[in-house]
Amino acid sequence: MELVDPRLGTEFNEEEAIRMTKVALLCTNSSPALRPTMSEVVNMLEGRTLVPELILDPSIFADESRFGAVKDQFNRMQSRSSKTTTITQSSDSTSTVWIGSSSTLVEHQ
C-alpha cells in the first residue's frame, strides 16, 4: 500500500488502511449533500457500518461550468478580503470589532 507511511513496514492492518482511504474519499465529494455526516464517518471507521463504494463521474471534473458559481463566489470573497480593514475598540468588559465597510459588528465579552 503506497498510501501508508513506509516507516510502518508491514506493521499495519491493510483492511483498516483501505477503509480509512475510502472514507476519506467520500468526505471529499464536491457536493456537500453527498458527503457522510460525522457520525456516519465514525461508524464507518470503527467498522460498524459498511463503507459504500465511491462512484466517480469523470465528466464532473471536465465540466468547469458546474463550478462556475463557486469560483465566482471565491473570487468575490478574495476581492473583498484584500480591501478589508479591521478596527478594534475596547472598553472595560466588551470590545467591538468592525470589519470592512459592512455593518457586521462582533461583540466580545
PDB file of N, CA and C in Angstrom:
ATOM      1  N   MET A   1       0.855  -1.187   0.000  1.00  0.00           N
ATOM      2  CA  MET A   1       0.000   0.000   0.000  1.00  0.00           C
ATOM      3  C   MET A   1       0.892   1.239   0.000  1.00  0.00           C
ATOM      4  N   GLU A   2       0.794   1.995  -1.042  1.00  0.00           N
ATOM      5  CA  GLU A   2       1.646   3.163  -1.198  1.00  0.00           C
ATOM      6  C   GLU A   2       1.221   4.338  -0.323  1.00  0.00           C
ATOM      7  N   LEU A   3      -0.020   4.359   0.145  1.00  0.00           N
ATOM      8  CA  LEU A   3      -0.501   5.473   0.958  1.00  0.00           C
ATOM      9  C   LEU A   3      -0.048   5.391   2.408  1.00  0.00           C
ATOM     10  N   VAL A   4       0.386   4.233   2.839  1.00  0.00           N
ATOM     11  CA  VAL A   4       0.772   4.030   4.233  1.00  0.00           C
ATOM     12  C   VAL A   4       2.214   4.479   4.429  1.00  0.00           C
ATOM     13  N   ASP A   5       2.476   5.093   5.570  1.00  0.00           N
ATOM     14  CA  ASP A   5       3.824   5.547   5.910  1.00  0.00           C
ATOM     15  C   ASP A   5       4.804   4.381   5.803  1.00  0.00           C
ATOM     16  N   PRO A   6       5.844   4.505   4.991  1.00  0.00           N
ATOM     17  CA  PRO A   6       6.789   3.399   4.807  1.00  0.00           C
ATOM     18  C   PRO A   6       7.504   2.994   6.097  1.00  0.00           C
ATOM     19  N   ARG A   7       7.556   3.892   7.071  1.00  0.00           N
ATOM     20  CA  ARG A   7       8.207   3.552   8.345  1.00  0.00           C
ATOM     21  C   ARG A   7       7.444   2.470   9.099  1.00  0.00           C
ATOM     22  N   LEU A   8       6.167   2.274   8.749  1.00  0.00           N
ATOM     23  CA  LEU A   8       5.381   1.221   9.396  1.00  0.00           C
ATOM     24  C   LEU A   8       5.747  -0.165   8.878  1.00  0.00           C
ATOM     25  N   GLY A   9       6.360  -0.207   7.707  1.00  0.00           N
ATOM     26  CA  GLY A   9       6.703  -1.507   7.132  1.00  0.00           C
ATOM     27  C   GLY A   9       5.442  -2.307   6.886  1.00  0.00           C
ATOM     28  N   THR A  10       5.389  -3.491   7.478  1.00  0.00           N
ATOM     29  CA  THR A  10       4.186  -4.327   7.356  1.00  0.00           C
ATOM     30  C   THR A  10       3.361  -4.311   8.639  1.00  0.00           C
ATOM     31  N   GLU A  11       3.689  -3.408   9.546  1.00  0.00           N
ATOM     32  CA  GLU A  11       3.026  -3.344  10.854  1.00  0.00           C
ATOM     33  C   GLU A  11       1.774  -2.467  10.817  1.00  0.00           C
ATOM     34  N   PHE A  12       0.840  -2.790   9.948  1.00  0.00           N
ATOM     35  CA  PHE A  12      -0.435  -2.084   9.905  1.00  0.00           C
ATOM     36  C   PHE A  12      -1.491  -3.030   9.365  1.00  0.00           C
ATOM     37  N   ASN A  13      -2.734  -2.704   9.664  1.00  0.00           N
ATOM     38  CA  ASN A  13      -3.859  -3.510   9.203  1.00  0.00           C
ATOM     39  C   ASN A  13      -4.292  -2.982   7.833  1.00  0.00           C
ATOM     40  N   GLU A  14      -4.059  -3.774   6.792  1.00  0.00           N
ATOM     41  CA  GLU A  14      -4.350  -3.324   5.430  1.00  0.00           C
ATOM     42  C   GLU A  14      -5.836  -3.034   5.232  1.00  0.00           C
ATOM     43  N   GLU A  15      -6.693  -3.846   5.834  1.00  0.00           N
ATOM     44  CA  GLU A  15      -8.140  -3.630   5.705  1.00  0.00           C
ATOM     45  C   GLU A  15      -8.544  -2.278   6.289  1.00  0.00           C
ATOM     46  N   GLU A  16      -7.967  -1.911   7.448  1.00  0.00           N
ATOM     47  CA  GLU A  16      -8.270  -0.620   8.063  1.00  0.00           C
ATOM     48  C   GLU A  16      -7.745   0.531   7.213  1.00  0.00           C
ATOM     49  N   ALA A  17      -6.568   0.360   6.624  1.00  0.00           N
ATOM     50  CA  ALA A  17      -5.996   1.406   5.771  1.00  0.00           C
ATOM     51  C   ALA A  17      -6.873   1.640   4.544  1.00  0.00           C
ATOM     52  N   ILE A  18      -7.372   0.566   3.959  1.00  0.00           N
ATOM     53  CA  ILE A  18      -8.256   0.691   2.796  1.00  0.00           C
ATOM     54  C   ILE A  18      -9.562   1.361   3.206  1.00  0.00           C
ATOM     55  N   ARG A  19     -10.117   0.965   4.358  1.00  0.00           N
ATOM     56  CA  ARG A  19     -11.367   1.561   4.847  1.00  0.00           C
ATOM     57  C   ARG A  19     -11.183   3.061   5.073  1.00  0.00           C
ATOM     58  N   MET A  20     -10.078   3.439   5.725  1.00  0.00           N
ATOM     59  CA  MET A  20      -9.820   4.846   6.004  1.00  0.00           C
ATOM     60  C   MET A  20      -9.700   5.648   4.708  1.00  0.00           C
ATOM     61  N   THR A  21      -9.035   5.086   3.714  1.00  0.00           N
ATOM     62  CA  THR A  21      -8.867   5.769   2.434  1.00  0.00           C
ATOM     63  C   THR A  21     -10.209   5.964   1.734  1.00  0.00           C
ATOM     64  N   LYS A  22     -11.049   4.939   1.752  1.00  0.00           N
ATOM     65  CA  LYS A  22     -12.368   5.044   1.120  1.00  0.00           C
ATOM     66  C   LYS A  22     -13.232   6.092   1.824  1.00  0.00           C
ATOM     67  N   VAL A  23     -13.180   6.111   3.157  1.00  0.00           N
ATOM     68  CA  VAL A  23     -13.961   7.097   3.910  1.00  0.00           C
ATOM     69  C   VAL A  23     -13.450   8.504   3.600  1.00  0.00           C
ATOM     70  N   ALA A  24     -12.140   8.658   3.541  1.00  0.00           N
ATOM     71  CA  ALA A  24     -11.565   9.969   3.218  1.00  0.00           C
ATOM     72  C   ALA A  24     -12.037  10.451   1.851  1.00  0.00           C
ATOM     73  N   LEU A  25     -12.081   9.557   0.887  1.00  0.00           N
ATOM     74  CA  LEU A  25     -12.550   9.931  -0.448  1.00  0.00           C
ATOM     75  C   LEU A  25     -14.026  10.330  -0.430  1.00  0.00           C
ATOM     76  N   LEU A  26     -14.835   9.638   0.361  1.00  0.00           N
ATOM     77  CA  LEU A  26     -16.250  10.015   0.480  1.00  0.00           C
ATOM     78  C   LEU A  26     -16.387  11.428   1.048  1.00  0.00           C
ATOM     79  N   CYS A  27     -15.503  11.780   1.965  1.00  0.00           N
ATOM     80  CA  CYS A  27     -15.559  13.091   2.622  1.00  0.00           C
ATOM     81  C   CYS A  27     -15.121  14.230   1.708  1.00  0.00           C
ATOM     82  N   THR A  28     -14.506  13.911   0.580  1.00  0.00           N
ATOM     83  CA  THR A  28     -14.043  14.954  -0.340  1.00  0.00           C
ATOM     84  C   THR A  28     -14.990  15.156  -1.515  1.00  0.00           C
ATOM     85  N   ASN A  29     -16.185  14.598  -1.433  1.00  0.00           N
ATOM     86  CA  ASN A  29     -17.150  14.743  -2.521  1.00  0.00           C
ATOM     87  C   ASN A  29     -17.402  16.223  -2.795  1.00  0.00           C
ATOM     88  N   SER A  30     -17.469  16.606  -4.050  1.00  0.00           N
ATOM     89  CA  SER A  30     -17.667  18.016  -4.402  1.00  0.00           C
ATOM     90  C   SER A  30     -19.030  18.539  -3.966  1.00  0.00           C
ATOM     91  N   SER A  31     -19.980  17.660  -3.737  1.00  0.00           N
ATOM     92  CA  SER A  31     -21.305  18.069  -3.279  1.00  0.00           C
ATOM     93  C   SER A  31     -21.427  17.802  -1.782  1.00  0.00           C
ATOM     94  N   PRO A  32     -21.570  18.851  -0.969  1.00  0.00           N
ATOM     95  CA  PRO A  32     -21.702  18.649   0.475  1.00  0.00           C
ATOM     96  C   PRO A  32     -22.839  17.704   0.851  1.00  0.00           C
ATOM     97  N   ALA A  33     -23.903  17.706   0.070  1.00  0.00           N
ATOM     98  CA  ALA A  33     -25.052  16.844   0.370  1.00  0.00           C
ATOM     99  C   ALA A  33     -24.705  15.369   0.240  1.00  0.00           C
ATOM    100  N   LEU A  34     -23.689  15.055  -0.545  1.00  0.00           N
ATOM    101  CA  LEU A  34     -23.309  13.660  -0.752  1.00  0.00           C
ATOM    102  C   LEU A  34     -22.204  13.194   0.189  1.00  0.00           C
ATOM    103  N   ARG A  35     -21.672  14.105   0.998  1.00  0.00           N
ATOM    104  CA  ARG A  35     -20.643  13.719   1.966  1.00  0.00           C
ATOM    105  C   ARG A  35     -21.306  13.070   3.178  1.00  0.00           C
ATOM    106  N   PRO A  36     -20.638  12.104   3.808  1.00  0.00           N
ATOM    107  CA  PRO A  36     -21.220  11.485   5.006  1.00  0.00           C
ATOM    108  C   PRO A  36     -21.177  12.447   6.194  1.00  0.00           C
ATOM    109  N   THR A  37     -22.110  12.256   7.121  1.00  0.00           N
ATOM    110  CA  THR A  37     -22.087  13.041   8.355  1.00  0.00           C
ATOM    111  C   THR A  37     -20.952  12.536   9.237  1.00  0.00           C
ATOM    112  N   MET A  38     -20.609  13.304  10.254  1.00  0.00           N
ATOM    113  CA  MET A  38     -19.517  12.895  11.135  1.00  0.00           C
ATOM    114  C   MET A  38     -19.839  11.582  11.843  1.00  0.00           C
ATOM    115  N   SER A  39     -21.089  11.402  12.259  1.00  0.00           N
ATOM    116  CA  SER A  39     -21.438  10.141  12.928  1.00  0.00           C
ATOM    117  C   SER A  39     -21.330   8.965  11.957  1.00  0.00           C
ATOM    118  N   GLU A  40     -21.686   9.185  10.692  1.00  0.00           N
ATOM    119  CA  GLU A  40     -21.520   8.123   9.692  1.00  0.00           C
ATOM    120  C   GLU A  40     -20.043   7.805   9.478  1.00  0.00           C
ATOM    121  N   VAL A  41     -19.211   8.839   9.455  1.00  0.00           N
ATOM    122  CA  VAL A  41     -17.760   8.641   9.297  1.00  0.00           C
ATOM    123  C   VAL A  41     -17.220   7.802  10.446  1.00  0.00           C
ATOM    124  N   VAL A  42     -17.594   8.163  11.668  1.00  0.00           N
ATOM    125  CA  VAL A  42     -17.119   7.420  12.840  1.00  0.00           C
ATOM    126  C   VAL A  42     -17.566   5.963  12.760  1.00  0.00           C
ATOM    127  N   ASN A  43     -18.833   5.739  12.428  1.00  0.00           N
ATOM    128  CA  ASN A  43     -19.338   4.366  12.317  1.00  0.00           C
ATOM    129  C   ASN A  43     -18.596   3.573  11.252  1.00  0.00           C
ATOM    130  N   MET A  44     -18.300   4.205  10.118  1.00  0.00           N
ATOM    131  CA  MET A  44     -17.561   3.510   9.060  1.00  0.00           C
ATOM    132  C   MET A  44     -16.131   3.209   9.499  1.00  0.00           C
ATOM    133  N   LEU A  45     -15.479   4.184  10.131  1.00  0.00           N
ATOM    134  CA  LEU A  45     -14.093   3.973  10.565  1.00  0.00           C
ATOM    135  C   LEU A  45     -13.990   2.904  11.646  1.00  0.00           C
ATOM    136  N   GLU A  46     -14.998   2.827  12.505  1.00  0.00           N
ATOM    137  CA  GLU A  46     -14.993   1.815  13.561  1.00  0.00           C
ATOM    138  C   GLU A  46     -15.506   0.465  13.078  1.00  0.00           C
ATOM    139  N   GLY A  47     -15.913   0.377  11.819  1.00  0.00           N
ATOM    140  CA  GLY A  47     -16.349  -0.891  11.246  1.00  0.00           C
ATOM    141  C   GLY A  47     -17.770  -1.285  11.579  1.00  0.00           C
ATOM    142  N   ARG A  48     -18.561  -0.367  12.141  1.00  0.00           N
ATOM    143  CA  ARG A  48     -19.947  -0.677  12.495  1.00  0.00           C
ATOM    144  C   ARG A  48     -20.873  -0.649  11.290  1.00  0.00           C
ATOM    145  N   THR A  49     -20.501   0.138  10.271  1.00  0.00           N
ATOM    146  CA  THR A  49     -21.283   0.172   9.035  1.00  0.00           C
ATOM    147  C   THR A  49     -20.347  -0.013   7.850  1.00  0.00           C
ATOM    148  N   LEU A  50     -20.899  -0.500   6.764  1.00  0.00           N
ATOM    149  CA  LEU A  50     -20.106  -0.706   5.556  1.00  0.00           C
ATOM    150  C   LEU A  50     -19.814   0.629   4.883  1.00  0.00           C
ATOM    151  N   VAL A  51     -18.655   0.717   4.266  1.00  0.00           N
ATOM    152  CA  VAL A  51     -18.292   1.910   3.513  1.00  0.00           C
ATOM    153  C   VAL A  51     -18.837   1.736   2.096  1.00  0.00           C
ATOM    154  N   PRO A  52     -19.734   2.640   1.671  1.00  0.00           N
ATOM    155  CA  PRO A  52     -20.267   2.499   0.310  1.00  0.00           C
ATOM    156  C   PRO A  52     -19.172   2.716  -0.725  1.00  0.00           C
ATOM    157  N   GLU A  53     -19.322   2.062  -1.850  1.00  0.00           N
ATOM    158  CA  GLU A  53     -18.346   2.228  -2.925  1.00  0.00           C
ATOM    159  C   GLU A  53     -18.463   3.637  -3.495  1.00  0.00           C
ATOM    160  N   LEU A  54     -17.344   4.236  -3.750  1.00  0.00           N
ATOM    161  CA  LEU A  54     -17.299   5.567  -4.330  1.00  0.00           C
ATOM    162  C   LEU A  54     -17.422   5.440  -5.841  1.00  0.00           C
ATOM    163  N   ILE A  55     -18.421   6.089  -6.388  1.00  0.00           N
ATOM    164  CA  ILE A  55     -18.620   6.063  -7.836  1.00  0.00           C
ATOM    165  C   ILE A  55     -18.325   7.464  -8.357  1.00  0.00           C
ATOM    166  N   LEU A  56     -17.271   7.568  -9.131  1.00  0.00           N
ATOM    167  CA  LEU A  56     -16.885   8.862  -9.674  1.00  0.00           C
ATOM    168  C   LEU A  56     -17.429   9.028 -11.082  1.00  0.00           C
ATOM    169  N   ASP A  57     -17.947  10.199 -11.327  1.00  0.00           N
ATOM    170  CA  ASP A  57     -18.384  10.555 -12.669  1.00  0.00           C
ATOM    171  C   ASP A  57     -17.306  11.467 -13.240  1.00  0.00           C
ATOM    172  N   PRO A  58     -16.440  10.958 -14.104  1.00  0.00           N
ATOM    173  CA  PRO A  58     -15.329  11.766 -14.596  1.00  0.00           C
ATOM    174  C   PRO A  58     -15.771  13.031 -15.315  1.00  0.00           C
ATOM    175  N   SER A  59     -16.990  13.078 -15.789  1.00  0.00           N
ATOM    176  CA  SER A  59     -17.451  14.262 -16.510  1.00  0.00           C
ATOM    177  C   SER A  59     -17.582  15.475 -15.596  1.00  0.00           C
ATOM    178  N   ILE A  60     -17.785  15.267 -14.288  1.00  0.00           N
ATOM    179  CA  ILE A  60     -17.937  16.419 -13.400  1.00  0.00           C
ATOM    180  C   ILE A  60     -16.643  17.191 -13.254  1.00  0.00           C
ATOM    181  N   PHE A  61     -15.510  16.524 -13.432  1.00  0.00           N
ATOM    182  CA  PHE A  61     -14.236  17.211 -13.312  1.00  0.00           C
ATOM    183  C   PHE A  61     -13.888  17.953 -14.596  1.00  0.00           C
ATOM    184  N   ALA A  62     -14.395  17.491 -15.724  1.00  0.00           N
ATOM    185  CA  ALA A  62     -14.109  18.121 -17.003  1.00  0.00           C
ATOM    186  C   ALA A  62     -15.047  19.292 -17.277  1.00  0.00           C
ATOM    187  N   ASP A  63     -16.209  19.298 -16.660  1.00  0.00           N
ATOM    188  CA  ASP A  63     -17.212  20.329 -16.911  1.00  0.00           C
ATOM    189  C   ASP A  63     -17.028  21.477 -15.926  1.00  0.00           C
ATOM    190  N   GLU A  64     -16.242  22.470 -16.334  1.00  0.00           N
ATOM    191  CA  GLU A  64     -15.925  23.585 -15.446  1.00  0.00           C
ATOM    192  C   GLU A  64     -17.143  24.454 -15.141  1.00  0.00           C
ATOM    193  N   SER A  65     -18.165  24.417 -15.996  1.00  0.00           N
ATOM    194  CA  SER A  65     -19.348  25.241 -15.767  1.00  0.00           C
ATOM    195  C   SER A  65     -20.075  24.844 -14.487  1.00  0.00           C
ATOM    196  N   ARG A  66     -19.908  23.609 -14.050  1.00  0.00           N
ATOM    197  CA  ARG A  66     -20.558  23.171 -12.808  1.00  0.00           C
ATOM    198  C   ARG A  66     -19.996  23.897 -11.591  1.00  0.00           C
ATOM    199  N   PHE A  67     -18.755  24.353 -11.693  1.00  0.00           N
ATOM    200  CA  PHE A  67     -18.116  25.005 -10.565  1.00  0.00           C
ATOM    201  C   PHE A  67     -18.009  26.515 -10.761  1.00  0.00           C
ATOM    202  N   GLY A  68     -18.652  27.034 -11.797  1.00  0.00           N
ATOM    203  CA  GLY A  68     -18.568  28.459 -12.095  1.00  0.00           C
ATOM    204  C   GLY A  68     -19.061  29.335 -10.959  1.00  0.00           C
ATOM    205  N   ALA A  69     -20.201  29.000 -10.372  1.00  0.00           N
ATOM    206  CA  ALA A  69     -20.760  29.811  -9.287  1.00  0.00           C
ATOM    207  C   ALA A  69     -19.852  29.796  -8.070  1.00  0.00           C
ATOM    208  N   VAL A  70     -19.286  28.651  -7.755  1.00  0.00           N
ATOM    209  CA  VAL A  70     -18.377  28.552  -6.611  1.00  0.00           C
ATOM    210  C   VAL A  70     -17.119  29.370  -6.879  1.00  0.00           C
ATOM    211  N   LYS A  71     -16.601  29.268  -8.096  1.00  0.00           N
ATOM    212  CA  LYS A  71     -15.404  30.021  -8.474  1.00  0.00           C
ATOM    213  C   LYS A  71     -15.670  31.526  -8.395  1.00  0.00           C
ATOM    214  N   ASP A  72     -16.829  31.977  -8.881  1.00  0.00           N
ATOM    215  CA  ASP A  72     -17.186  33.391  -8.816  1.00  0.00           C
ATOM    216  C   ASP A  72     -17.291  33.868  -7.373  1.00  0.00           C
ATOM    217  N   GLN A  73     -17.929  33.070  -6.522  1.00  0.00           N
ATOM    218  CA  GLN A  73     -18.062  33.427  -5.110  1.00  0.00           C
ATOM    219  C   GLN A  73     -16.689  33.531  -4.458  1.00  0.00           C
ATOM    220  N   PHE A  74     -15.813  32.593  -4.745  1.00  0.00           N
ATOM    221  CA  PHE A  74     -14.461  32.618  -4.191  1.00  0.00           C
ATOM    222  C   PHE A  74     -13.734  33.886  -4.631  1.00  0.00           C
ATOM    223  N   ASN A  75     -13.834  34.233  -5.901  1.00  0.00           N
ATOM    224  CA  ASN A  75     -13.170  35.434  -6.408  1.00  0.00           C
ATOM    225  C   ASN A  75     -13.714  36.693  -5.748  1.00  0.00           C
ATOM    226  N   ARG A  76     -15.043  36.752  -5.521  1.00  0.00           N
ATOM    227  CA  ARG A  76     -15.629  37.907  -4.833  1.00  0.00           C
ATOM    228  C   ARG A  76     -15.111  37.997  -3.402  1.00  0.00           C
ATOM    229  N   MET A  77     -15.019  36.854  -2.724  1.00  0.00           N
ATOM    230  CA  MET A  77     -14.525  36.851  -1.345  1.00  0.00           C
ATOM    231  C   MET A  77     -13.066  37.295  -1.300  1.00  0.00           C
ATOM    232  N   GLN A  78     -12.259  36.831  -2.244  1.00  0.00           N
ATOM    233  CA  GLN A  78     -10.853  37.225  -2.307  1.00  0.00           C
ATOM    234  C   GLN A  78     -10.743  38.727  -2.538  1.00  0.00           C
ATOM    235  N   SER A  79     -11.563  39.246  -3.423  1.00  0.00           N
ATOM    236  CA  SER A  79     -11.543  40.665  -3.739  1.00  0.00           C
ATOM    237  C   SER A  79     -11.922  41.496  -2.515  1.00  0.00           C
ATOM    238  N   ARG A  80     -12.946  41.059  -1.791  1.00  0.00           N
ATOM    239  CA  ARG A  80     -13.377  41.767  -0.581  1.00  0.00           C
ATOM    240  C   ARG A  80     -12.323  41.713   0.507  1.00  0.00           C
ATOM    241  N   SER A  81     -11.696  40.553   0.685  1.00  0.00           N
ATOM    242  CA  SER A  81     -10.733  40.414   1.775  1.00  0.00           C
ATOM    243  C   SER A  81      -9.500  41.270   1.539  1.00  0.00           C
ATOM    244  N   SER A  82      -9.159  41.546   0.289  1.00  0.00           N
ATOM    245  CA  SER A  82      -7.994  42.383   0.027  1.00  0.00           C
ATOM    246  C   SER A  82      -8.295  43.852   0.306  1.00  0.00           C
ATOM    247  N   LYS A  83      -9.585  44.231   0.371  1.00  0.00           N
ATOM    248  CA  LYS A  83      -9.981  45.609   0.633  1.00  0.00           C
ATOM    249  C   LYS A  83     -10.416  45.817   2.082  1.00  0.00           C
ATOM    250  N   THR A  84     -10.402  44.771   2.894  1.00  0.00           N
ATOM    251  CA  THR A  84     -10.945  44.828   4.245  1.00  0.00           C
ATOM    252  C   THR A  84      -9.939  45.409   5.226  1.00  0.00           C
ATOM    253  N   THR A  85     -10.435  46.255   6.095  1.00  0.00           N
ATOM    254  CA  THR A  85      -9.630  46.764   7.196  1.00  0.00           C
ATOM    255  C   THR A  85     -10.328  46.391   8.488  1.00  0.00           C
ATOM    256  N   THR A  86      -9.568  46.246   9.534  1.00  0.00           N
ATOM    257  CA  THR A  86     -10.139  45.861  10.816  1.00  0.00           C
ATOM    258  C   THR A  86      -9.808  46.921  11.853  1.00  0.00           C
ATOM    259  N   ILE A  87     -10.819  47.367  12.588  1.00  0.00           N
ATOM    260  CA  ILE A  87     -10.645  48.338  13.655  1.00  0.00           C
ATOM    261  C   ILE A  87     -11.202  47.716  14.924  1.00  0.00           C
ATOM    262  N   THR A  88     -10.454  47.783  16.012  1.00  0.00           N
ATOM    263  CA  THR A  88     -10.903  47.217  17.272  1.00  0.00           C
ATOM    264  C   THR A  88     -11.010  48.329  18.302  1.00  0.00           C
ATOM    265  N   GLN A  89     -12.155  48.403  18.991  1.00  0.00           N
ATOM    266  CA  GLN A  89     -12.356  49.340  20.081  1.00  0.00           C
ATOM    267  C   GLN A  89     -12.505  48.537  21.358  1.00  0.00           C
ATOM    268  N   SER A  90     -11.894  48.980  22.429  1.00  0.00           N
ATOM    269  CA  SER A  90     -12.006  48.249  23.690  1.00  0.00           C
ATOM    270  C   SER A  90     -12.617  49.138  24.757  1.00  0.00           C
ATOM    271  N   SER A  91     -13.405  48.525  25.630  1.00  0.00           N
ATOM    272  CA  SER A  91     -13.913  49.185  26.821  1.00  0.00           C
ATOM    273  C   SER A  91     -13.639  48.255  27.987  1.00  0.00           C
ATOM    274  N   ASP A  92     -14.223  48.517  29.144  1.00  0.00           N
ATOM    275  CA  ASP A  92     -13.932  47.714  30.326  1.00  0.00           C
ATOM    276  C   ASP A  92     -14.178  46.223  30.112  1.00  0.00           C
ATOM    277  N   SER A  93     -15.401  45.834  29.704  1.00  0.00           N
ATOM    278  CA  SER A  93     -15.712  44.409  29.639  1.00  0.00           C
ATOM    279  C   SER A  93     -16.043  43.899  28.241  1.00  0.00           C
ATOM    280  N   THR A  94     -16.205  44.798  27.280  1.00  0.00           N
ATOM    281  CA  THR A  94     -16.541  44.334  25.933  1.00  0.00           C
ATOM    282  C   THR A  94     -15.664  45.026  24.910  1.00  0.00           C
ATOM    283  N   SER A  95     -15.553  44.439  23.752  1.00  0.00           N
ATOM    284  CA  SER A  95     -14.870  45.090  22.637  1.00  0.00           C
ATOM    285  C   SER A  95     -15.702  44.883  21.390  1.00  0.00           C
ATOM    286  N   THR A  96     -15.655  45.858  20.511  1.00  0.00           N
ATOM    287  CA  THR A  96     -16.398  45.791  19.269  1.00  0.00           C
ATOM    288  C   THR A  96     -15.407  45.730  18.125  1.00  0.00           C
ATOM    289  N   VAL A  97     -15.631  44.816  17.211  1.00  0.00           N
ATOM    290  CA  VAL A  97     -14.759  44.688  16.047  1.00  0.00           C
ATOM    291  C   VAL A  97     -15.565  45.080  14.826  1.00  0.00           C
ATOM    292  N   TRP A  98     -15.045  46.026  14.054  1.00  0.00           N
ATOM    293  CA  TRP A  98     -15.682  46.444  12.815  1.00  0.00           C
ATOM    294  C   TRP A  98     -14.810  45.982  11.675  1.00  0.00           C
ATOM    295  N   ILE A  99     -15.396  45.293  10.723  1.00  0.00           N
ATOM    296  CA  ILE A  99     -14.629  44.733   9.617  1.00  0.00           C
ATOM    297  C   ILE A  99     -15.132  45.331   8.317  1.00  0.00           C
ATOM    298  N   GLY A 100     -14.225  45.967   7.565  1.00  0.00           N
ATOM    299  CA  GLY A 100     -14.536  46.473   6.234  1.00  0.00           C
ATOM    300  C   GLY A 100     -15.630  47.516   6.232  1.00  0.00           C
ATOM    301  N   SER A 101     -16.379  47.570   5.140  1.00  0.00           N
ATOM    302  CA  SER A 101     -17.423  48.568   5.001  1.00  0.00           C
ATOM    303  C   SER A 101     -18.808  47.997   5.260  1.00  0.00           C
ATOM    304  N   SER A 102     -18.861  46.745   5.712  1.00  0.00           N
ATOM    305  CA  SER A 102     -20.165  46.156   6.010  1.00  0.00           C
ATOM    306  C   SER A 102     -20.621  46.618   7.378  1.00  0.00           C
ATOM    307  N   SER A 103     -21.812  46.242   7.741  1.00  0.00           N
ATOM    308  CA  SER A 103     -22.339  46.630   9.045  1.00  0.00           C
ATOM    309  C   SER A 103     -22.173  45.514  10.062  1.00  0.00           C
ATOM    310  N   THR A 104     -21.215  44.627   9.832  1.00  0.00           N
ATOM    311  CA  THR A 104     -21.011  43.496  10.726  1.00  0.00           C
ATOM    312  C   THR A 104     -20.285  43.958  11.981  1.00  0.00           C
ATOM    313  N   LEU A 105     -20.904  43.743  13.120  1.00  0.00           N
ATOM    314  CA  LEU A 105     -20.284  44.034  14.403  1.00  0.00           C
ATOM    315  C   LEU A 105     -20.222  42.758  15.203  1.00  0.00           C
ATOM    316  N   VAL A 106     -19.092  42.533  15.839  1.00  0.00           N
ATOM    317  CA  VAL A 106     -18.940  41.350  16.669  1.00  0.00           C
ATOM    318  C   VAL A 106     -18.635  41.822  18.075  1.00  0.00           C
ATOM    319  N   GLU A 107     -19.483  41.475  19.022  1.00  0.00           N
ATOM    320  CA  GLU A 107     -19.281  41.846  20.414  1.00  0.00           C
ATOM    321  C   GLU A 107     -18.486  40.763  21.123  1.00  0.00           C
ATOM    322  N   HIS A 108     -17.405  41.132  21.781  1.00  0.00           N
ATOM    323  CA  HIS A 108     -16.607  40.189  22.563  1.00  0.00           C
ATOM    324  C   HIS A 108     -16.777  40.522  24.030  1.00  0.00           C
ATOM    325  N   GLN A 109     -17.026  39.523  24.839  1.00  0.00           N
ATOM    326  CA  GLN A 109     -17.191  39.726  26.286  1.00  0.00           C
ATOM    327  C   GLN A 109     -15.987  39.207  27.019  1.00  0.00           C
TER     328      GLN A 109
END
